[in-house]
């Protein structure tokens, strides 16, 4: 399968939310991605918003 980065980030966010023992905040999700240097806060914020809208 060939996913673009937007799809991978959304899948990772959904997996994090599903696997977490308690609800995660946007800050917790963003911190993970920024600390791992996957992407920046604004892109993750956009992906979370897109997932909320869907």
PDB file of N, CA and C in Angstrom:
ATOM      1  N   UNK A   1       0.831  -1.184   0.000  1.00  0.00           N
ATOM      2  CA  UNK A   1       0.000   0.000   0.000  1.00  0.00           C
ATOM      3  C   UNK A   1       0.870   1.240   0.000  1.00  0.00           C
ATOM      4  N   UNK A   2       0.386   2.235  -0.679  1.00  0.00           N
ATOM      5  CA  UNK A   2       1.118   3.487  -0.749  1.00  0.00           C
ATOM      6  C   UNK A   2       0.227   4.597  -0.204  1.00  0.00           C
ATOM      7  N   UNK A   3       0.550   5.077   0.997  1.00  0.00           N
ATOM      8  CA  UNK A   3      -0.212   6.149   1.634  1.00  0.00           C
ATOM      9  C   UNK A   3       0.570   7.443   1.539  1.00  0.00           C
ATOM     10  N   UNK A   4      -0.163   8.546   1.410  1.00  0.00           N
ATOM     11  CA  UNK A   4       0.534   9.821   1.504  1.00  0.00           C
ATOM     12  C   UNK A   4       0.694  10.179   2.977  1.00  0.00           C
ATOM     13  N   UNK A   5       1.506  11.166   3.283  1.00  0.00           N
ATOM     14  CA  UNK A   5       1.805  11.484   4.683  1.00  0.00           C
ATOM     15  C   UNK A   5       0.568  11.935   5.458  1.00  0.00           C
ATOM     16  N   UNK A   6      -0.356  12.633   4.817  1.00  0.00           N
ATOM     17  CA  UNK A   6      -1.577  13.065   5.508  1.00  0.00           C
ATOM     18  C   UNK A   6      -2.368  11.863   6.014  1.00  0.00           C
ATOM     19  N   UNK A   7      -2.496  10.853   5.182  1.00  0.00           N
ATOM     20  CA  UNK A   7      -3.229   9.651   5.568  1.00  0.00           C
ATOM     21  C   UNK A   7      -2.518   8.930   6.707  1.00  0.00           C
ATOM     22  N   UNK A   8      -1.202   8.835   6.638  1.00  0.00           N
ATOM     23  CA  UNK A   8      -0.445   8.170   7.703  1.00  0.00           C
ATOM     24  C   UNK A   8      -0.589   8.899   9.030  1.00  0.00           C
ATOM     25  N   UNK A   9      -0.527  10.229   9.010  1.00  0.00           N
ATOM     26  CA  UNK A   9      -0.686  10.984  10.251  1.00  0.00           C
ATOM     27  C   UNK A   9      -2.068  10.756  10.842  1.00  0.00           C
ATOM     28  N   UNK A  10      -3.089  10.755  10.008  1.00  0.00           N
ATOM     29  CA  UNK A  10      -4.450  10.526  10.504  1.00  0.00           C
ATOM     30  C   UNK A  10      -4.589   9.127  11.080  1.00  0.00           C
ATOM     31  N   UNK A  11      -4.016   8.135  10.419  1.00  0.00           N
ATOM     32  CA  UNK A  11      -4.063   6.773  10.947  1.00  0.00           C
ATOM     33  C   UNK A  11      -3.319   6.662  12.278  1.00  0.00           C
ATOM     34  N   UNK A  12      -2.189   7.340  12.375  1.00  0.00           N
ATOM     35  CA  UNK A  12      -1.430   7.321  13.629  1.00  0.00           C
ATOM     36  C   UNK A  12      -2.213   7.990  14.755  1.00  0.00           C
ATOM     37  N   UNK A  13      -2.872   9.092  14.456  1.00  0.00           N
ATOM     38  CA  UNK A  13      -3.680   9.777  15.469  1.00  0.00           C
ATOM     39  C   UNK A  13      -4.816   8.872  15.926  1.00  0.00           C
ATOM     40  N   UNK A  14      -5.511   8.254  14.987  1.00  0.00           N
ATOM     41  CA  UNK A  14      -6.612   7.365  15.358  1.00  0.00           C
ATOM     42  C   UNK A  14      -6.122   6.188  16.184  1.00  0.00           C
ATOM     43  N   UNK A  15      -4.969   5.636  15.831  1.00  0.00           N
ATOM     44  CA  UNK A  15      -4.407   4.527  16.593  1.00  0.00           C
ATOM     45  C   UNK A  15      -4.053   4.972  18.012  1.00  0.00           C
ATOM     46  N   UNK A  16      -3.462   6.159  18.136  1.00  0.00           N
ATOM     47  CA  UNK A  16      -3.125   6.690  19.463  1.00  0.00           C
ATOM     48  C   UNK A  16      -4.378   6.839  20.317  1.00  0.00           C
ATOM     49  N   UNK A  17      -5.432   7.383  19.722  1.00  0.00           N
ATOM     50  CA  UNK A  17      -6.678   7.593  20.467  1.00  0.00           C
ATOM     51  C   UNK A  17      -7.309   6.272  20.886  1.00  0.00           C
ATOM     52  N   UNK A  18      -7.243   5.288  20.007  1.00  0.00           N
ATOM     53  CA  UNK A  18      -7.818   3.975  20.307  1.00  0.00           C
ATOM     54  C   UNK A  18      -7.025   3.251  21.388  1.00  0.00           C
ATOM     55  N   UNK A  19      -5.715   3.392  21.363  1.00  0.00           N
ATOM     56  CA  UNK A  19      -4.842   2.643  22.263  1.00  0.00           C
ATOM     57  C   UNK A  19      -4.666   3.286  23.635  1.00  0.00           C
ATOM     58  N   UNK A  20      -4.982   4.549  23.753  1.00  0.00           N
ATOM     59  CA  UNK A  20      -4.760   5.271  25.007  1.00  0.00           C
ATOM     60  C   UNK A  20      -5.713   4.783  26.092  1.00  0.00           C
ATOM     61  N   UNK A  21      -5.209   4.736  27.297  1.00  0.00           N
ATOM     62  CA  UNK A  21      -6.022   4.314  28.440  1.00  0.00           C
ATOM     63  C   UNK A  21      -7.025   5.393  28.837  1.00  0.00           C
ATOM     64  N   UNK A  22      -6.716   6.633  28.508  1.00  0.00           N
ATOM     65  CA  UNK A  22      -7.612   7.752  28.811  1.00  0.00           C
ATOM     66  C   UNK A  22      -7.608   8.705  27.623  1.00  0.00           C
ATOM     67  N   UNK A  23      -8.582   9.597  27.547  1.00  0.00           N
ATOM     68  CA  UNK A  23      -8.634  10.531  26.409  1.00  0.00           C
ATOM     69  C   UNK A  23      -7.361  11.376  26.315  1.00  0.00           C
ATOM     70  N   UNK A  24      -6.929  11.636  25.093  1.00  0.00           N
ATOM     71  CA  UNK A  24      -5.742  12.449  24.850  1.00  0.00           C
ATOM     72  C   UNK A  24      -6.144  13.851  24.424  1.00  0.00           C
ATOM     73  N   UNK A  25      -5.351  14.814  24.834  1.00  0.00           N
ATOM     74  CA  UNK A  25      -5.587  16.193  24.412  1.00  0.00           C
ATOM     75  C   UNK A  25      -4.834  16.455  23.105  1.00  0.00           C
ATOM     76  N   UNK A  26      -5.196  17.544  22.453  1.00  0.00           N
ATOM     77  CA  UNK A  26      -4.486  17.954  21.249  1.00  0.00           C
ATOM     78  C   UNK A  26      -3.016  18.208  21.563  1.00  0.00           C
ATOM     79  N   UNK A  27      -2.740  18.769  22.723  1.00  0.00           N
ATOM     80  CA  UNK A  27      -1.358  19.034  23.117  1.00  0.00           C
ATOM     81  C   UNK A  27      -0.565  17.735  23.264  1.00  0.00           C
ATOM     82  N   UNK A  28      -1.165  16.715  23.862  1.00  0.00           N
ATOM     83  CA  UNK A  28      -0.474  15.437  24.017  1.00  0.00           C
ATOM     84  C   UNK A  28      -0.180  14.793  22.661  1.00  0.00           C
ATOM     85  N   UNK A  29      -1.146  14.840  21.780  1.00  0.00           N
ATOM     86  CA  UNK A  29      -0.954  14.262  20.442  1.00  0.00           C
ATOM     87  C   UNK A  29       0.117  15.044  19.688  1.00  0.00           C
ATOM     88  N   UNK A  30       0.015  16.351  19.719  1.00  0.00           N
ATOM     89  CA  UNK A  30       0.969  17.201  19.007  1.00  0.00           C
ATOM     90  C   UNK A  30       2.381  17.041  19.557  1.00  0.00           C
ATOM     91  N   UNK A  31       2.510  16.964  20.870  1.00  0.00           N
ATOM     92  CA  UNK A  31       3.820  16.806  21.489  1.00  0.00           C
ATOM     93  C   UNK A  31       4.509  15.542  20.994  1.00  0.00           C
ATOM     94  N   UNK A  32       3.759  14.458  20.881  1.00  0.00           N
ATOM     95  CA  UNK A  32       4.324  13.213  20.378  1.00  0.00           C
ATOM     96  C   UNK A  32       4.921  13.419  18.986  1.00  0.00           C
ATOM     97  N   UNK A  33       4.162  13.991  18.081  1.00  0.00           N
ATOM     98  CA  UNK A  33       4.614  14.165  16.704  1.00  0.00           C
ATOM     99  C   UNK A  33       5.771  15.156  16.586  1.00  0.00           C
ATOM    100  N   UNK A  34       5.726  16.222  17.371  1.00  0.00           N
ATOM    101  CA  UNK A  34       6.783  17.233  17.314  1.00  0.00           C
ATOM    102  C   UNK A  34       8.071  16.703  17.936  1.00  0.00           C
ATOM    103  N   UNK A  35       7.987  16.008  19.076  1.00  0.00           N
ATOM    104  CA  UNK A  35       9.187  15.468  19.716  1.00  0.00           C
ATOM    105  C   UNK A  35       9.878  14.422  18.847  1.00  0.00           C
ATOM    106  N   UNK A  36       9.095  13.649  18.119  1.00  0.00           N
ATOM    107  CA  UNK A  36       9.664  12.641  17.223  1.00  0.00           C
ATOM    108  C   UNK A  36      10.113  13.252  15.895  1.00  0.00           C
ATOM    109  N   UNK A  37       9.858  14.559  15.743  1.00  0.00           N
ATOM    110  CA  UNK A  37      10.200  15.317  14.536  1.00  0.00           C
ATOM    111  C   UNK A  37       9.531  14.744  13.280  1.00  0.00           C
ATOM    112  N   UNK A  38       8.293  14.247  13.462  1.00  0.00           N
ATOM    113  CA  UNK A  38       7.530  13.761  12.310  1.00  0.00           C
ATOM    114  C   UNK A  38       6.956  14.923  11.514  1.00  0.00           C
ATOM    115  N   UNK A  39       6.433  15.914  12.229  1.00  0.00           N
ATOM    116  CA  UNK A  39       5.818  17.073  11.590  1.00  0.00           C
ATOM    117  C   UNK A  39       5.664  18.171  12.633  1.00  0.00           C
ATOM    118  N   UNK A  40       5.039  19.280  12.256  1.00  0.00           N
ATOM    119  CA  UNK A  40       4.905  20.392  13.192  1.00  0.00           C
ATOM    120  C   UNK A  40       3.486  20.457  13.775  1.00  0.00           C
ATOM    121  N   UNK A  41       3.344  21.313  14.788  1.00  0.00           N
ATOM    122  CA  UNK A  41       2.085  21.425  15.524  1.00  0.00           C
ATOM    123  C   UNK A  41       0.918  21.809  14.621  1.00  0.00           C
ATOM    124  N   UNK A  42       1.131  22.752  13.727  1.00  0.00           N
ATOM    125  CA  UNK A  42       0.027  23.237  12.894  1.00  0.00           C
ATOM    126  C   UNK A  42      -0.511  22.152  11.963  1.00  0.00           C
ATOM    127  N   UNK A  43       0.364  21.330  11.418  1.00  0.00           N
ATOM    128  CA  UNK A  43      -0.099  20.250  10.544  1.00  0.00           C
ATOM    129  C   UNK A  43      -0.908  19.226  11.330  1.00  0.00           C
ATOM    130  N   UNK A  44      -0.435  18.871  12.513  1.00  0.00           N
ATOM    131  CA  UNK A  44      -1.171  17.905  13.331  1.00  0.00           C
ATOM    132  C   UNK A  44      -2.513  18.489  13.755  1.00  0.00           C
ATOM    133  N   UNK A  45      -2.522  19.751  14.116  1.00  0.00           N
ATOM    134  CA  UNK A  45      -3.777  20.408  14.482  1.00  0.00           C
ATOM    135  C   UNK A  45      -4.769  20.331  13.326  1.00  0.00           C
ATOM    136  N   UNK A  46      -4.289  20.538  12.115  1.00  0.00           N
ATOM    137  CA  UNK A  46      -5.144  20.439  10.929  1.00  0.00           C
ATOM    138  C   UNK A  46      -5.674  19.036  10.721  1.00  0.00           C
ATOM    139  N   UNK A  47      -4.833  18.036  10.958  1.00  0.00           N
ATOM    140  CA  UNK A  47      -5.272  16.642  10.796  1.00  0.00           C
ATOM    141  C   UNK A  47      -6.311  16.260  11.846  1.00  0.00           C
ATOM    142  N   UNK A  48      -6.108  16.705  13.080  1.00  0.00           N
ATOM    143  CA  UNK A  48      -7.091  16.424  14.130  1.00  0.00           C
ATOM    144  C   UNK A  48      -8.415  17.090  13.798  1.00  0.00           C
ATOM    145  N   UNK A  49      -8.366  18.320  13.344  1.00  0.00           N
ATOM    146  CA  UNK A  49      -9.586  19.042  12.955  1.00  0.00           C
ATOM    147  C   UNK A  49     -10.295  18.315  11.822  1.00  0.00           C
ATOM    148  N   UNK A  50      -9.526  17.845  10.829  1.00  0.00           N
ATOM    149  CA  UNK A  50     -10.127  17.120   9.710  1.00  0.00           C
ATOM    150  C   UNK A  50     -10.794  15.828  10.184  1.00  0.00           C
ATOM    151  N   UNK A  51     -10.165  15.148  11.121  1.00  0.00           N
ATOM    152  CA  UNK A  51     -10.760  13.922  11.657  1.00  0.00           C
ATOM    153  C   UNK A  51     -12.037  14.232  12.442  1.00  0.00           C
ATOM    154  N   UNK A  52     -12.037  15.331  13.186  1.00  0.00           N
ATOM    155  CA  UNK A  52     -13.244  15.741  13.910  1.00  0.00           C
ATOM    156  C   UNK A  52     -14.384  16.046  12.941  1.00  0.00           C
ATOM    157  N   UNK A  53     -14.055  16.709  11.856  1.00  0.00           N
ATOM    158  CA  UNK A  53     -15.075  17.077  10.861  1.00  0.00           C
ATOM    159  C   UNK A  53     -15.644  15.859  10.134  1.00  0.00           C
ATOM    160  N   UNK A  54     -14.807  14.835   9.972  1.00  0.00           N
ATOM    161  CA  UNK A  54     -15.265  13.638   9.264  1.00  0.00           C
ATOM    162  C   UNK A  54     -16.153  12.835  10.171  1.00  0.00           C
TER     163      UNK A  54
END
